[in-house]
C-alpha atoms as a PDB file:
ATOM      1  CA  MET A   1     -26.166  13.423 -34.010  1.00  0.00           C
ATOM      2  CA  ILE A   2     -29.754  14.567 -35.159  1.00  0.00           C
ATOM      3  CA  GLU A   3     -32.021  15.631 -32.396  1.00  0.00           C
ATOM      4  CA  ASN A   4     -35.250  13.445 -32.493  1.00  0.00           C
ATOM      5  CA  ARG A   5     -38.201  14.903 -30.369  1.00  0.00           C
ATOM      6  CA  SER A   6     -39.440  11.175 -29.756  1.00  0.00           C
ATOM      7  CA  SER A   7     -35.883  10.224 -28.206  1.00  0.00           C
ATOM      8  CA  PRO A   8     -34.092  11.557 -25.186  1.00  0.00           C
ATOM      9  CA  ALA A   9     -31.028  13.305 -25.734  1.00  0.00           C
ATOM     10  CA  ALA A  10     -28.993  11.394 -23.065  1.00  0.00           C
ATOM     11  CA  LEU A  11     -26.265   9.213 -24.758  1.00  0.00           C
ATOM     12  CA  VAL A  12     -26.741   6.007 -22.296  1.00  0.00           C
ATOM     13  CA  ILE A  13     -30.264   5.387 -21.238  1.00  0.00           C
ATOM     14  CA  PRO A  14     -30.723   2.489 -18.789  1.00  0.00           C
ATOM     15  CA  VAL A  15     -33.965   0.406 -19.819  1.00  0.00           C
ATOM     16  CA  LEU A  16     -36.013  -1.144 -16.888  1.00  0.00           C
ATOM     17  CA  SER A  17     -38.920  -3.406 -17.208  1.00  0.00           C
ATOM     18  CA  TYR A  18     -41.727  -3.557 -14.621  1.00  0.00           C
ATOM     19  CA  GLU A  19     -45.203  -5.025 -14.046  1.00  0.00           C
ATOM     20  CA  ASP A  20     -46.907  -1.776 -13.923  1.00  0.00           C
ATOM     21  CA  VAL A  21     -45.126   1.057 -15.888  1.00  0.00           C
ATOM     22  CA  ASP A  22     -47.522   3.518 -14.681  1.00  0.00           C
ATOM     23  CA  GLU A  23     -46.973   2.616 -11.068  1.00  0.00           C
ATOM     24  CA  ALA A  24     -43.467   2.615 -11.108  1.00  0.00           C
ATOM     25  CA  SER A  25     -43.239   6.016 -13.129  1.00  0.00           C
ATOM     26  CA  ARG A  26     -45.358   7.422 -10.210  1.00  0.00           C
ATOM     27  CA  TRP A  27     -42.975   6.000  -7.515  1.00  0.00           C
ATOM     28  CA  LEU A  28     -39.668   7.261  -9.395  1.00  0.00           C
ATOM     29  CA  CYS A  29     -41.070  10.444 -10.195  1.00  0.00           C
ATOM     30  CA  GLU A  30     -42.522  11.230  -6.519  1.00  0.00           C
ATOM     31  CA  THR A  31     -39.392   9.309  -4.764  1.00  0.00           C
ATOM     32  CA  PHE A  32     -36.436  10.911  -6.901  1.00  0.00           C
ATOM     33  CA  GLY A  33     -38.013  13.873  -8.622  1.00  0.00           C
ATOM     34  CA  PHE A  34     -37.930  12.142 -11.891  1.00  0.00           C
ATOM     35  CA  ARG A  35     -40.119  13.751 -14.808  1.00  0.00           C
ATOM     36  CA  GLU A  36     -42.198  12.088 -17.500  1.00  0.00           C
ATOM     37  CA  ARG A  37     -40.905  12.999 -20.783  1.00  0.00           C
ATOM     38  CA  LEU A  38     -42.909  10.793 -23.109  1.00  0.00           C
ATOM     39  CA  ARG A  39     -45.494   7.821 -22.882  1.00  0.00           C
ATOM     40  CA  VAL A  40     -46.127   5.095 -25.677  1.00  0.00           C
ATOM     41  CA  GLY A  41     -49.357   3.510 -24.957  1.00  0.00           C
ATOM     42  CA  ASP A  42     -49.596   1.922 -21.478  1.00  0.00           C
ATOM     43  CA  HIS A  43     -46.363  -0.119 -21.927  1.00  0.00           C
ATOM     44  CA  ARG A  44     -43.465   2.693 -22.344  1.00  0.00           C
ATOM     45  CA  ILE A  45     -42.356   5.689 -20.517  1.00  0.00           C
ATOM     46  CA  GLN A  46     -39.512   7.982 -20.802  1.00  0.00           C
ATOM     47  CA  LEU A  47     -38.216   9.740 -17.831  1.00  0.00           C
ATOM     48  CA  HIS A  48     -36.054  12.917 -17.375  1.00  0.00           C
ATOM     49  CA  VAL A  49     -33.485  11.977 -14.679  1.00  0.00           C
ATOM     50  CA  GLY A  50     -31.608  14.803 -12.666  1.00  0.00           C
ATOM     51  CA  GLU A  51     -30.772  18.416 -14.101  1.00  0.00           C
ATOM     52  CA  GLY A  52     -27.813  17.062 -16.296  1.00  0.00           C
ATOM     53  CA  GLY A  53     -29.964  15.682 -19.253  1.00  0.00           C
ATOM     54  CA  GLY A  54     -30.220  12.183 -17.973  1.00  0.00           C
ATOM     55  CA  ALA A  55     -32.794   9.539 -18.825  1.00  0.00           C
ATOM     56  CA  VAL A  56     -34.386   6.406 -18.214  1.00  0.00           C
ATOM     57  CA  ILE A  57     -36.856   4.194 -20.140  1.00  0.00           C
ATOM     58  CA  LEU A  58     -39.404   2.325 -18.270  1.00  0.00           C
ATOM     59  CA  THR A  59     -41.215  -0.898 -20.269  1.00  0.00           C
ATOM     60  CA  GLN A  60     -43.582  -3.441 -19.653  1.00  0.00           C
ATOM     61  CA  ARG A  61     -42.249  -6.538 -18.393  1.00  0.00           C
ATOM     62  CA  PRO A  62     -42.080  -9.049 -20.905  1.00  0.00           C
ATOM     63  CA  THR A  63     -44.212 -12.072 -20.210  1.00  0.00           C
ATOM     64  CA  SER A  64     -41.050 -14.518 -21.240  1.00  0.00           C
ATOM     65  CA  GLN A  65     -38.819 -13.846 -18.478  1.00  0.00           C
ATOM     66  CA  GLY A  66     -35.120 -14.648 -19.238  1.00  0.00           C
ATOM     67  CA  PRO A  67     -32.389 -14.054 -16.889  1.00  0.00           C
ATOM     68  CA  HIS A  68     -31.729 -10.456 -17.890  1.00  0.00           C
ATOM     69  CA  SER A  69     -35.208  -9.484 -19.198  1.00  0.00           C
ATOM     70  CA  CYS A  70     -35.935  -6.766 -16.395  1.00  0.00           C
ATOM     71  CA  HIS A  71     -33.099  -4.633 -17.844  1.00  0.00           C
ATOM     72  CA  SER A  72     -31.573  -3.471 -20.846  1.00  0.00           C
ATOM     73  CA  VAL A  73     -29.211  -0.515 -22.110  1.00  0.00           C
ATOM     74  CA  HIS A  74     -30.067   2.084 -24.687  1.00  0.00           C
ATOM     75  CA  ILE A  75     -27.044   3.643 -26.279  1.00  0.00           C
ATOM     76  CA  ARG A  76     -27.108   6.576 -28.715  1.00  0.00           C
ATOM     77  CA  VAL A  77     -24.777   6.476 -31.736  1.00  0.00           C
ATOM     78  CA  SER A  78     -24.202   8.660 -34.792  1.00  0.00           C
ATOM     79  CA  ASP A  79     -24.079   5.813 -37.390  1.00  0.00           C
ATOM     80  CA  ALA A  80     -26.071   2.782 -36.459  1.00  0.00           C
ATOM     81  CA  ASN A  81     -24.942   0.683 -39.747  1.00  0.00           C
ATOM     82  CA  SER A  82     -21.224   1.551 -39.270  1.00  0.00           C
ATOM     83  CA  HIS A  83     -21.594   0.516 -35.516  1.00  0.00           C
ATOM     84  CA  TYR A  84     -23.418  -2.731 -36.246  1.00  0.00           C
ATOM     85  CA  GLU A  85     -20.932  -3.598 -38.575  1.00  0.00           C
ATOM     86  CA  ARG A  86     -17.966  -3.204 -36.299  1.00  0.00           C
ATOM     87  CA  ALA A  87     -19.947  -5.478 -33.196  1.00  0.00           C
ATOM     88  CA  LYS A  88     -20.463  -8.180 -36.027  1.00  0.00           C
ATOM     89  CA  ARG A  89     -16.827  -8.364 -36.922  1.00  0.00           C
ATOM     90  CA  HIS A  90     -16.146  -8.665 -33.195  1.00  0.00           C
ATOM     91  CA  GLY A  91     -18.423 -11.670 -33.059  1.00  0.00           C
ATOM     92  CA  ALA A  92     -21.469  -9.803 -31.206  1.00  0.00           C
ATOM     93  CA  HIS A  93     -24.615 -12.227 -30.849  1.00  0.00           C
ATOM     94  CA  VAL A  94     -27.114 -10.087 -32.912  1.00  0.00           C
ATOM     95  CA  THR A  95     -30.603 -10.303 -31.537  1.00  0.00           C
ATOM     96  CA  ARG A  96     -32.068  -7.862 -34.011  1.00  0.00           C
ATOM     97  CA  PRO A  97     -30.255  -6.244 -36.958  1.00  0.00           C
ATOM     98  CA  PRO A  98     -30.577  -2.615 -37.925  1.00  0.00           C
ATOM     99  CA  GLU A  99     -34.083  -1.430 -38.520  1.00  0.00           C
ATOM    100  CA  SER A 100     -35.553   1.981 -39.138  1.00  0.00           C
ATOM    101  CA  PHE A 101     -38.556   2.851 -36.984  1.00  0.00           C
ATOM    102  CA  PRO A 102     -41.648   5.326 -37.777  1.00  0.00           C
ATOM    103  CA  PHE A 103     -40.469   6.964 -34.644  1.00  0.00           C
ATOM    104  CA  GLY A 104     -37.094   8.431 -36.242  1.00  0.00           C
ATOM    105  CA  GLU A 105     -34.539   5.837 -35.032  1.00  0.00           C
ATOM    106  CA  ARG A 106     -32.410   3.272 -36.767  1.00  0.00           C
ATOM    107  CA  GLN A 107     -31.726   0.485 -34.127  1.00  0.00           C
ATOM    108  CA  TYR A 108     -30.186  -2.717 -33.460  1.00  0.00           C
ATOM    109  CA  SER A 109     -29.907  -4.903 -30.694  1.00  0.00           C
ATOM    110  CA  ILE A 110     -26.993  -7.514 -29.513  1.00  0.00           C
ATOM    111  CA  GLU A 111     -26.546  -9.963 -26.272  1.00  0.00           C
ATOM    112  CA  ASP A 112     -23.361  -9.369 -24.752  1.00  0.00           C
ATOM    113  CA  PRO A 113     -21.448 -12.388 -23.256  1.00  0.00           C
ATOM    114  CA  GLY A 114     -23.585 -12.090 -19.919  1.00  0.00           C
ATOM    115  CA  GLY A 115     -26.853 -12.189 -21.357  1.00  0.00           C
ATOM    116  CA  HIS A 116     -27.500  -8.406 -21.441  1.00  0.00           C
ATOM    117  CA  ILE A 117     -29.226  -6.739 -23.883  1.00  0.00           C
ATOM    118  CA  TRP A 118     -28.034  -3.590 -25.567  1.00  0.00           C
ATOM    119  CA  THR A 119     -29.519  -1.682 -28.188  1.00  0.00           C
ATOM    120  CA  PHE A 120     -27.731   0.861 -30.343  1.00  0.00           C
ATOM    121  CA  SER A 121     -30.008   3.944 -31.728  1.00  0.00           C
ATOM    122  CA  GLN A 122     -29.259   6.616 -34.449  1.00  0.00           C
ATOM    123  CA  SER A 123     -31.798   9.373 -34.710  1.00  0.00           C
ATOM    124  CA  ILE A 124     -32.507   9.464 -38.705  1.00  0.00           C
ATOM    125  CA  ALA A 125     -35.263  12.209 -38.240  1.00  0.00           C
ATOM    126  CA  ASP A 126     -36.943  14.622 -35.941  1.00  0.00           C
ATOM    127  CA  VAL A 127     -40.563  12.977 -35.158  1.00  0.00           C
ATOM    128  CA  ALA A 128     -43.004  14.132 -33.328  1.00  0.00           C
ATOM    129  CA  PRO A 129     -44.337  11.748 -30.810  1.00  0.00           C
ATOM    130  CA  GLU A 130     -47.614  12.179 -31.667  1.00  0.00           C
ATOM    131  CA  ASP A 131     -47.032  11.426 -35.356  1.00  0.00           C
ATOM    132  CA  TRP A 132     -46.456   7.665 -34.728  1.00  0.00           C
ATOM    133  CA  GLY A 133     -48.564   7.092 -31.506  1.00  0.00           C
ATOM    134  CA  GLY A 134     -46.698   8.499 -28.585  1.00  0.00           C
ATOM    135  CA  THR A 135     -47.869  11.356 -26.308  1.00  0.00           C
ATOM    136  CA  ALA A 136     -45.448  13.943 -25.299  1.00  0.00           C
ATOM    137  CA  VAL A 137     -45.681  14.866 -21.676  1.00  0.00           C
ATOM    138  CA  ASP A 138     -42.355  17.278 -20.943  1.00  0.00           C
ATOM    139  CA  LEU A 139     -40.039  17.211 -23.986  1.00  0.00           C
ATOM    140  CA  GLU A 140     -37.873  19.730 -22.300  1.00  0.00           C
END
């Protein structure tokens, strides 16, 4: 896999939504010793988790609350297109087809039978967060 400064290196990344991402980040960092990695505006923060390369992403809670809108799972894959094709062959409910983003990731999302959202992401370029509007805090 390509390394991308705009994406955590962890393979499985929980995505948790909060009404106030700043407050949530502050609490998680103070309480659990997590560290901020990257900020995107006032709606998204990536955190370092533990010493083993773990990560969590905090997002602004959506205004349209579905049963599982407070969490999702972000998975890094080596080939988003072939992963997407496999998921489609097995009847996955696609909520967003593969798309390339300016932050150097190609992603697609599905909803599983329990209503949980899974986003699969392939790093396609190493992009500095500042190049697309992010703010690097601690990329190590």
